[in-house]
Amino acid sequence: MRSNQTVKSSENYESVERKAALYEEMRVMLEEAGSRGTPLDSVIVISGVLNDIAKEHTELQNLSQSWRGLLESSSSIRHLSLQVKHKER
């Protein structure tokens, strides 16, 4: 019985430690994104960092894909906007 409790305690400690590390990574990501000059730059930071984090934390893969899609949409909109401005000249 005691060894079973030890294993569960060890698993719980690792889980808490893993969550704390994830929290810290995401906090730093948001600080970095918040320090960027434009919303697009912030999206680039968040998308890139989430992609890296999701490699170790598979539960974040869907979130990472969503931000990657947002980045692709933002880049497309920015590109179209620049084309329109160029044509107006």
PDB file of N, CA and C in Angstrom:
ATOM      1  N   MET A   1       0.822  -1.189   0.000  1.00  0.00           N
ATOM      2  CA  MET A   1       0.000   0.000   0.000  1.00  0.00           C
ATOM      3  C   MET A   1       0.869   1.257   0.000  1.00  0.00           C
ATOM      4  N   ARG A   2       1.919   1.217   0.779  1.00  0.00           N
ATOM      5  CA  ARG A   2       2.767   2.390   0.881  1.00  0.00           C
ATOM      6  C   ARG A   2       3.451   2.719  -0.444  1.00  0.00           C
ATOM      7  N   SER A   3       3.921   1.704  -1.161  1.00  0.00           N
ATOM      8  CA  SER A   3       4.595   1.959  -2.423  1.00  0.00           C
ATOM      9  C   SER A   3       3.628   2.537  -3.455  1.00  0.00           C
ATOM     10  N   ASN A   4       2.380   2.133  -3.415  1.00  0.00           N
ATOM     11  CA  ASN A   4       1.369   2.685  -4.309  1.00  0.00           C
ATOM     12  C   ASN A   4       1.167   4.173  -4.021  1.00  0.00           C
ATOM     13  N   GLN A   5       1.157   4.539  -2.733  1.00  0.00           N
ATOM     14  CA  GLN A   5       1.015   5.949  -2.362  1.00  0.00           C
ATOM     15  C   GLN A   5       2.232   6.745  -2.814  1.00  0.00           C
ATOM     16  N   THR A   6       3.406   6.156  -2.711  1.00  0.00           N
ATOM     17  CA  THR A   6       4.631   6.830  -3.124  1.00  0.00           C
ATOM     18  C   THR A   6       4.605   7.093  -4.630  1.00  0.00           C
ATOM     19  N   VAL A   7       4.156   6.124  -5.396  1.00  0.00           N
ATOM     20  CA  VAL A   7       4.082   6.288  -6.844  1.00  0.00           C
ATOM     21  C   VAL A   7       3.092   7.390  -7.192  1.00  0.00           C
ATOM     22  N   LYS A   8       1.927   7.395  -6.542  1.00  0.00           N
ATOM     23  CA  LYS A   8       0.927   8.431  -6.810  1.00  0.00           C
ATOM     24  C   LYS A   8       1.455   9.803  -6.416  1.00  0.00           C
ATOM     25  N   SER A   9       2.141   9.893  -5.289  1.00  0.00           N
ATOM     26  CA  SER A   9       2.707  11.173  -4.860  1.00  0.00           C
ATOM     27  C   SER A   9       3.742  11.661  -5.855  1.00  0.00           C
ATOM     28  N   SER A  10       4.552  10.749  -6.348  1.00  0.00           N
ATOM     29  CA  SER A  10       5.573  11.108  -7.324  1.00  0.00           C
ATOM     30  C   SER A  10       4.927  11.587  -8.623  1.00  0.00           C
ATOM     31  N   GLU A  11       3.875  10.901  -9.075  1.00  0.00           N
ATOM     32  CA  GLU A  11       3.174  11.301 -10.291  1.00  0.00           C
ATOM     33  C   GLU A  11       2.518  12.664 -10.107  1.00  0.00           C
ATOM     34  N   ASN A  12       1.907  12.888  -8.941  1.00  0.00           N
ATOM     35  CA  ASN A  12       1.275  14.180  -8.674  1.00  0.00           C
ATOM     36  C   ASN A  12       2.305  15.300  -8.661  1.00  0.00           C
ATOM     37  N   TYR A  13       3.469  15.045  -8.063  1.00  0.00           N
ATOM     38  CA  TYR A  13       4.527  16.047  -8.006  1.00  0.00           C
ATOM     39  C   TYR A  13       5.006  16.389  -9.410  1.00  0.00           C
ATOM     40  N   GLU A  14       5.208  15.355 -10.244  1.00  0.00           N
ATOM     41  CA  GLU A  14       5.645  15.587 -11.616  1.00  0.00           C
ATOM     42  C   GLU A  14       4.584  16.361 -12.392  1.00  0.00           C
ATOM     43  N   SER A  15       3.321  16.047 -12.160  1.00  0.00           N
ATOM     44  CA  SER A  15       2.239  16.748 -12.848  1.00  0.00           C
ATOM     45  C   SER A  15       2.197  18.220 -12.439  1.00  0.00           C
ATOM     46  N   VAL A  16       2.337  18.484 -11.161  1.00  0.00           N
ATOM     47  CA  VAL A  16       2.341  19.865 -10.675  1.00  0.00           C
ATOM     48  C   VAL A  16       3.571  20.599 -11.201  1.00  0.00           C
ATOM     49  N   GLU A  17       4.699  19.932 -11.197  1.00  0.00           N
ATOM     50  CA  GLU A  17       5.934  20.525 -11.712  1.00  0.00           C
ATOM     51  C   GLU A  17       5.807  20.845 -13.209  1.00  0.00           C
ATOM     52  N   ARG A  18       5.202  19.938 -13.953  1.00  0.00           N
ATOM     53  CA  ARG A  18       5.007  20.129 -15.398  1.00  0.00           C
ATOM     54  C   ARG A  18       4.063  21.302 -15.661  1.00  0.00           C
ATOM     55  N   LYS A  19       2.988  21.385 -14.895  1.00  0.00           N
ATOM     56  CA  LYS A  19       2.040  22.488 -15.050  1.00  0.00           C
ATOM     57  C   LYS A  19       2.686  23.824 -14.685  1.00  0.00           C
ATOM     58  N   ALA A  20       3.522  23.825 -13.662  1.00  0.00           N
ATOM     59  CA  ALA A  20       4.211  25.054 -13.259  1.00  0.00           C
ATOM     60  C   ALA A  20       5.165  25.514 -14.365  1.00  0.00           C
ATOM     61  N   ALA A  21       5.859  24.566 -14.974  1.00  0.00           N
ATOM     62  CA  ALA A  21       6.778  24.910 -16.063  1.00  0.00           C
ATOM     63  C   ALA A  21       5.998  25.450 -17.265  1.00  0.00           C
ATOM     64  N   LEU A  22       4.864  24.839 -17.568  1.00  0.00           N
ATOM     65  CA  LEU A  22       4.025  25.311 -18.675  1.00  0.00           C
ATOM     66  C   LEU A  22       3.500  26.710 -18.387  1.00  0.00           C
ATOM     67  N   TYR A  23       3.048  26.939 -17.173  1.00  0.00           N
ATOM     68  CA  TYR A  23       2.563  28.259 -16.770  1.00  0.00           C
ATOM     69  C   TYR A  23       3.661  29.310 -16.987  1.00  0.00           C
ATOM     70  N   GLU A  24       4.870  28.994 -16.570  1.00  0.00           N
ATOM     71  CA  GLU A  24       5.983  29.936 -16.697  1.00  0.00           C
ATOM     72  C   GLU A  24       6.295  30.216 -18.170  1.00  0.00           C
ATOM     73  N   GLU A  25       6.297  29.174 -18.990  1.00  0.00           N
ATOM     74  CA  GLU A  25       6.557  29.364 -20.424  1.00  0.00           C
ATOM     75  C   GLU A  25       5.494  30.259 -21.053  1.00  0.00           C
ATOM     76  N   MET A  26       4.249  30.041 -20.684  1.00  0.00           N
ATOM     77  CA  MET A  26       3.167  30.831 -21.266  1.00  0.00           C
ATOM     78  C   MET A  26       3.185  32.266 -20.741  1.00  0.00           C
ATOM     79  N   ARG A  27       3.567  32.450 -19.497  1.00  0.00           N
ATOM     80  CA  ARG A  27       3.673  33.801 -18.940  1.00  0.00           C
ATOM     81  C   ARG A  27       4.738  34.601 -19.692  1.00  0.00           C
ATOM     82  N   VAL A  28       5.879  33.989 -19.911  1.00  0.00           N
ATOM     83  CA  VAL A  28       6.963  34.644 -20.650  1.00  0.00           C
ATOM     84  C   VAL A  28       6.512  34.940 -22.080  1.00  0.00           C
ATOM     85  N   MET A  29       5.804  33.986 -22.695  1.00  0.00           N
ATOM     86  CA  MET A  29       5.310  34.188 -24.055  1.00  0.00           C
ATOM     87  C   MET A  29       4.408  35.422 -24.120  1.00  0.00           C
ATOM     88  N   LEU A  30       3.505  35.553 -23.163  1.00  0.00           N
ATOM     89  CA  LEU A  30       2.586  36.690 -23.171  1.00  0.00           C
ATOM     90  C   LEU A  30       3.306  38.008 -22.894  1.00  0.00           C
ATOM     91  N   GLU A  31       4.308  37.975 -22.033  1.00  0.00           N
ATOM     92  CA  GLU A  31       5.103  39.185 -21.797  1.00  0.00           C
ATOM     93  C   GLU A  31       5.822  39.611 -23.076  1.00  0.00           C
ATOM     94  N   GLU A  32       6.412  38.640 -23.752  1.00  0.00           N
ATOM     95  CA  GLU A  32       7.110  38.938 -25.011  1.00  0.00           C
ATOM     96  C   GLU A  32       6.133  39.468 -26.056  1.00  0.00           C
ATOM     97  N   ALA A  33       4.996  38.830 -26.187  1.00  0.00           N
ATOM     98  CA  ALA A  33       4.002  39.271 -27.167  1.00  0.00           C
ATOM     99  C   ALA A  33       3.507  40.674 -26.836  1.00  0.00           C
ATOM    100  N   GLY A  34       3.323  40.955 -25.560  1.00  0.00           N
ATOM    101  CA  GLY A  34       2.853  42.268 -25.134  1.00  0.00           C
ATOM    102  C   GLY A  34       3.866  43.375 -25.372  1.00  0.00           C
ATOM    103  N   SER A  35       5.120  43.009 -25.500  1.00  0.00           N
ATOM    104  CA  SER A  35       6.157  44.022 -25.697  1.00  0.00           C
ATOM    105  C   SER A  35       6.362  44.367 -27.178  1.00  0.00           C
ATOM    106  N   ARG A  36       5.668  43.670 -28.060  1.00  0.00           N
ATOM    107  CA  ARG A  36       5.827  43.914 -29.496  1.00  0.00           C
ATOM    108  C   ARG A  36       5.086  45.171 -29.916  1.00  0.00           C
ATOM    109  N   GLY A  37       5.521  45.745 -31.013  1.00  0.00           N
ATOM    110  CA  GLY A  37       4.991  47.021 -31.467  1.00  0.00           C
ATOM    111  C   GLY A  37       3.662  46.947 -32.193  1.00  0.00           C
ATOM    112  N   THR A  38       3.370  45.807 -32.804  1.00  0.00           N
ATOM    113  CA  THR A  38       2.130  45.697 -33.560  1.00  0.00           C
ATOM    114  C   THR A  38       1.407  44.400 -33.185  1.00  0.00           C
ATOM    115  N   PRO A  39       0.097  44.376 -33.416  1.00  0.00           N
ATOM    116  CA  PRO A  39      -0.641  43.137 -33.154  1.00  0.00           C
ATOM    117  C   PRO A  39      -0.102  41.959 -33.972  1.00  0.00           C
ATOM    118  N   LEU A  40       0.286  42.197 -35.213  1.00  0.00           N
ATOM    119  CA  LEU A  40       0.826  41.114 -36.039  1.00  0.00           C
ATOM    120  C   LEU A  40       2.108  40.554 -35.437  1.00  0.00           C
ATOM    121  N   ASP A  41       2.972  41.424 -34.945  1.00  0.00           N
ATOM    122  CA  ASP A  41       4.199  40.954 -34.295  1.00  0.00           C
ATOM    123  C   ASP A  41       3.873  40.116 -33.060  1.00  0.00           C
ATOM    124  N   SER A  42       2.852  40.520 -32.322  1.00  0.00           N
ATOM    125  CA  SER A  42       2.423  39.752 -31.144  1.00  0.00           C
ATOM    126  C   SER A  42       1.909  38.380 -31.555  1.00  0.00           C
ATOM    127  N   VAL A  43       1.139  38.329 -32.623  1.00  0.00           N
ATOM    128  CA  VAL A  43       0.617  37.048 -33.122  1.00  0.00           C
ATOM    129  C   VAL A  43       1.767  36.150 -33.564  1.00  0.00           C
ATOM    130  N   ILE A  44       2.776  36.723 -34.185  1.00  0.00           N
ATOM    131  CA  ILE A  44       3.945  35.947 -34.619  1.00  0.00           C
ATOM    132  C   ILE A  44       4.635  35.312 -33.417  1.00  0.00           C
ATOM    133  N   VAL A  45       4.816  36.085 -32.356  1.00  0.00           N
ATOM    134  CA  VAL A  45       5.468  35.572 -31.142  1.00  0.00           C
ATOM    135  C   VAL A  45       4.634  34.447 -30.542  1.00  0.00           C
ATOM    136  N   ILE A  46       3.344  34.692 -30.349  1.00  0.00           N
ATOM    137  CA  ILE A  46       2.483  33.693 -29.712  1.00  0.00           C
ATOM    138  C   ILE A  46       2.435  32.418 -30.550  1.00  0.00           C
ATOM    139  N   SER A  47       2.267  32.557 -31.841  1.00  0.00           N
ATOM    140  CA  SER A  47       2.193  31.396 -32.723  1.00  0.00           C
ATOM    141  C   SER A  47       3.475  30.569 -32.666  1.00  0.00           C
ATOM    142  N   GLY A  48       4.604  31.233 -32.735  1.00  0.00           N
ATOM    143  CA  GLY A  48       5.886  30.525 -32.712  1.00  0.00           C
ATOM    144  C   GLY A  48       6.151  29.830 -31.392  1.00  0.00           C
ATOM    145  N   VAL A  49       5.895  30.528 -30.306  1.00  0.00           N
ATOM    146  CA  VAL A  49       6.158  29.942 -28.988  1.00  0.00           C
ATOM    147  C   VAL A  49       5.194  28.793 -28.719  1.00  0.00           C
ATOM    148  N   LEU A  50       3.915  28.978 -29.054  1.00  0.00           N
ATOM    149  CA  LEU A  50       2.953  27.885 -28.854  1.00  0.00           C
ATOM    150  C   LEU A  50       3.336  26.658 -29.673  1.00  0.00           C
ATOM    151  N   ASN A  51       3.829  26.877 -30.867  1.00  0.00           N
ATOM    152  CA  ASN A  51       4.274  25.757 -31.690  1.00  0.00           C
ATOM    153  C   ASN A  51       5.392  24.990 -30.984  1.00  0.00           C
ATOM    154  N   ASP A  52       6.335  25.700 -30.396  1.00  0.00           N
ATOM    155  CA  ASP A  52       7.430  25.054 -29.668  1.00  0.00           C
ATOM    156  C   ASP A  52       6.934  24.348 -28.413  1.00  0.00           C
ATOM    157  N   ILE A  53       6.066  25.015 -27.655  1.00  0.00           N
ATOM    158  CA  ILE A  53       5.541  24.429 -26.412  1.00  0.00           C
ATOM    159  C   ILE A  53       4.716  23.181 -26.711  1.00  0.00           C
ATOM    160  N   ALA A  54       3.946  23.207 -27.792  1.00  0.00           N
ATOM    161  CA  ALA A  54       3.060  22.089 -28.119  1.00  0.00           C
ATOM    162  C   ALA A  54       3.833  20.813 -28.453  1.00  0.00           C
ATOM    163  N   LYS A  55       5.100  20.936 -28.789  1.00  0.00           N
ATOM    164  CA  LYS A  55       5.907  19.748 -29.055  1.00  0.00           C
ATOM    165  C   LYS A  55       6.069  18.911 -27.792  1.00  0.00           C
ATOM    166  N   GLU A  56       6.150  19.580 -26.654  1.00  0.00           N
ATOM    167  CA  GLU A  56       6.304  18.885 -25.371  1.00  0.00           C
ATOM    168  C   GLU A  56       4.970  18.708 -24.659  1.00  0.00           C
ATOM    169  N   HIS A  57       4.056  19.619 -24.867  1.00  0.00           N
ATOM    170  CA  HIS A  57       2.744  19.588 -24.222  1.00  0.00           C
ATOM    171  C   HIS A  57       1.683  19.358 -25.303  1.00  0.00           C
ATOM    172  N   THR A  58       1.469  18.113 -25.629  1.00  0.00           N
ATOM    173  CA  THR A  58       0.592  17.774 -26.753  1.00  0.00           C
ATOM    174  C   THR A  58      -0.835  18.275 -26.568  1.00  0.00           C
ATOM    175  N   GLU A  59      -1.236  18.544 -25.345  1.00  0.00           N
ATOM    176  CA  GLU A  59      -2.588  19.058 -25.099  1.00  0.00           C
ATOM    177  C   GLU A  59      -2.778  20.461 -25.691  1.00  0.00           C
ATOM    178  N   LEU A  60      -1.700  21.098 -26.095  1.00  0.00           N
ATOM    179  CA  LEU A  60      -1.775  22.442 -26.678  1.00  0.00           C
ATOM    180  C   LEU A  60      -1.685  22.448 -28.205  1.00  0.00           C
ATOM    181  N   GLN A  61      -1.686  21.285 -28.825  1.00  0.00           N
ATOM    182  CA  GLN A  61      -1.539  21.232 -30.285  1.00  0.00           C
ATOM    183  C   GLN A  61      -2.688  21.929 -31.008  1.00  0.00           C
ATOM    184  N   ASN A  62      -3.928  21.739 -30.553  1.00  0.00           N
ATOM    185  CA  ASN A  62      -5.064  22.410 -31.211  1.00  0.00           C
ATOM    186  C   ASN A  62      -4.964  23.924 -31.065  1.00  0.00           C
ATOM    187  N   LEU A  63      -4.576  24.378 -29.892  1.00  0.00           N
ATOM    188  CA  LEU A  63      -4.403  25.811 -29.670  1.00  0.00           C
ATOM    189  C   LEU A  63      -3.305  26.366 -30.569  1.00  0.00           C
ATOM    190  N   SER A  64      -2.214  25.637 -30.664  1.00  0.00           N
ATOM    191  CA  SER A  64      -1.108  26.054 -31.528  1.00  0.00           C
ATOM    192  C   SER A  64      -1.557  26.153 -32.982  1.00  0.00           C
ATOM    193  N   GLN A  65      -2.324  25.186 -33.445  1.00  0.00           N
ATOM    194  CA  GLN A  65      -2.818  25.210 -34.823  1.00  0.00           C
ATOM    195  C   GLN A  65      -3.746  26.395 -35.052  1.00  0.00           C
ATOM    196  N   SER A  66      -4.572  26.716 -34.064  1.00  0.00           N
ATOM    197  CA  SER A  66      -5.471  27.864 -34.190  1.00  0.00           C
ATOM    198  C   SER A  66      -4.691  29.159 -34.340  1.00  0.00           C
ATOM    199  N   TRP A  67      -3.648  29.325 -33.531  1.00  0.00           N
ATOM    200  CA  TRP A  67      -2.837  30.545 -33.627  1.00  0.00           C
ATOM    201  C   TRP A  67      -2.063  30.587 -34.933  1.00  0.00           C
ATOM    202  N   ARG A  68      -1.630  29.430 -35.421  1.00  0.00           N
ATOM    203  CA  ARG A  68      -0.939  29.382 -36.701  1.00  0.00           C
ATOM    204  C   ARG A  68      -1.899  29.817 -37.820  1.00  0.00           C
ATOM    205  N   GLY A  69      -3.150  29.363 -37.733  1.00  0.00           N
ATOM    206  CA  GLY A  69      -4.159  29.783 -38.706  1.00  0.00           C
ATOM    207  C   GLY A  69      -4.420  31.272 -38.634  1.00  0.00           C
ATOM    208  N   LEU A  70      -4.462  31.806 -37.416  1.00  0.00           N
ATOM    209  CA  LEU A  70      -4.647  33.246 -37.242  1.00  0.00           C
ATOM    210  C   LEU A  70      -3.481  34.009 -37.853  1.00  0.00           C
ATOM    211  N   LEU A  71      -2.291  33.512 -37.651  1.00  0.00           N
ATOM    212  CA  LEU A  71      -1.104  34.151 -38.222  1.00  0.00           C
ATOM    213  C   LEU A  71      -1.175  34.139 -39.746  1.00  0.00           C
ATOM    214  N   GLU A  72      -1.550  33.006 -40.310  1.00  0.00           N
ATOM    215  CA  GLU A  72      -1.645  32.912 -41.772  1.00  0.00           C
ATOM    216  C   GLU A  72      -2.710  33.870 -42.296  1.00  0.00           C
ATOM    217  N   SER A  73      -3.836  33.971 -41.603  1.00  0.00           N
ATOM    218  CA  SER A  73      -4.896  34.903 -42.006  1.00  0.00           C
ATOM    219  C   SER A  73      -4.413  36.342 -41.897  1.00  0.00           C
ATOM    220  N   SER A  74      -3.740  36.653 -40.799  1.00  0.00           N
ATOM    221  CA  SER A  74      -3.227  38.008 -40.583  1.00  0.00           C
ATOM    222  C   SER A  74      -2.217  38.384 -41.649  1.00  0.00           C
ATOM    223  N   SER A  75      -1.352  37.451 -41.986  1.00  0.00           N
ATOM    224  CA  SER A  75      -0.342  37.714 -43.012  1.00  0.00           C
ATOM    225  C   SER A  75      -1.002  37.936 -44.369  1.00  0.00           C
ATOM    226  N   SER A  76      -2.031  37.147 -44.671  1.00  0.00           N
ATOM    227  CA  SER A  76      -2.741  37.300 -45.948  1.00  0.00           C
ATOM    228  C   SER A  76      -3.434  38.647 -46.017  1.00  0.00           C
ATOM    229  N   ILE A  77      -4.084  39.038 -44.928  1.00  0.00           N
ATOM    230  CA  ILE A  77      -4.782  40.331 -44.882  1.00  0.00           C
ATOM    231  C   ILE A  77      -3.779  41.462 -45.027  1.00  0.00           C
ATOM    232  N   ARG A  78      -2.654  41.357 -44.342  1.00  0.00           N
ATOM    233  CA  ARG A  78      -1.631  42.403 -44.430  1.00  0.00           C
ATOM    234  C   ARG A  78      -1.094  42.505 -45.859  1.00  0.00           C
ATOM    235  N   HIS A  79      -0.859  41.354 -46.476  1.00  0.00           N
ATOM    236  CA  HIS A  79      -0.349  41.343 -47.849  1.00  0.00           C
ATOM    237  C   HIS A  79      -1.347  42.012 -48.796  1.00  0.00           C
ATOM    238  N   LEU A  80      -2.630  41.676 -48.652  1.00  0.00           N
ATOM    239  CA  LEU A  80      -3.658  42.287 -49.499  1.00  0.00           C
ATOM    240  C   LEU A  80      -3.746  43.786 -49.261  1.00  0.00           C
ATOM    241  N   SER A  81      -3.632  44.187 -48.007  1.00  0.00           N
ATOM    242  CA  SER A  81      -3.689  45.601 -47.666  1.00  0.00           C
ATOM    243  C   SER A  81      -2.537  46.367 -48.318  1.00  0.00           C
ATOM    244  N   LEU A  82      -1.366  45.778 -48.293  1.00  0.00           N
ATOM    245  CA  LEU A  82      -0.199  46.414 -48.915  1.00  0.00           C
ATOM    246  C   LEU A  82      -0.362  46.503 -50.434  1.00  0.00           C
ATOM    247  N   GLN A  83      -0.976  45.472 -51.025  1.00  0.00           N
ATOM    248  CA  GLN A  83      -1.217  45.514 -52.470  1.00  0.00           C
ATOM    249  C   GLN A  83      -2.181  46.639 -52.828  1.00  0.00           C
ATOM    250  N   VAL A  84      -3.239  46.812 -52.043  1.00  0.00           N
ATOM    251  CA  VAL A  84      -4.225  47.865 -52.295  1.00  0.00           C
ATOM    252  C   VAL A  84      -3.565  49.227 -52.173  1.00  0.00           C
ATOM    253  N   LYS A  85      -2.760  49.417 -51.137  1.00  0.00           N
ATOM    254  CA  LYS A  85      -2.069  50.699 -50.953  1.00  0.00           C
ATOM    255  C   LYS A  85      -1.130  50.978 -52.119  1.00  0.00           C
ATOM    256  N   HIS A  86      -0.455  49.954 -52.581  1.00  0.00           N
ATOM    257  CA  HIS A  86       0.477  50.109 -53.716  1.00  0.00           C
ATOM    258  C   HIS A  86      -0.289  50.523 -54.977  1.00  0.00           C
ATOM    259  N   LYS A  87      -1.445  49.929 -55.227  1.00  0.00           N
ATOM    260  CA  LYS A  87      -2.246  50.253 -56.410  1.00  0.00           C
ATOM    261  C   LYS A  87      -2.816  51.668 -56.335  1.00  0.00           C
ATOM    262  N   GLU A  88      -3.076  52.155 -55.122  1.00  0.00           N
ATOM    263  CA  GLU A  88      -3.635  53.490 -54.963  1.00  0.00           C
ATOM    264  C   GLU A  88      -2.623  54.579 -55.319  1.00  0.00           C
ATOM    265  N   ARG A  89      -1.380  54.268 -55.279  1.00  0.00           N
ATOM    266  CA  ARG A  89      -0.338  55.260 -55.554  1.00  0.00           C
ATOM    267  C   ARG A  89      -0.272  55.567 -56.983  1.00  0.00           C
TER     268      ARG A  89
END
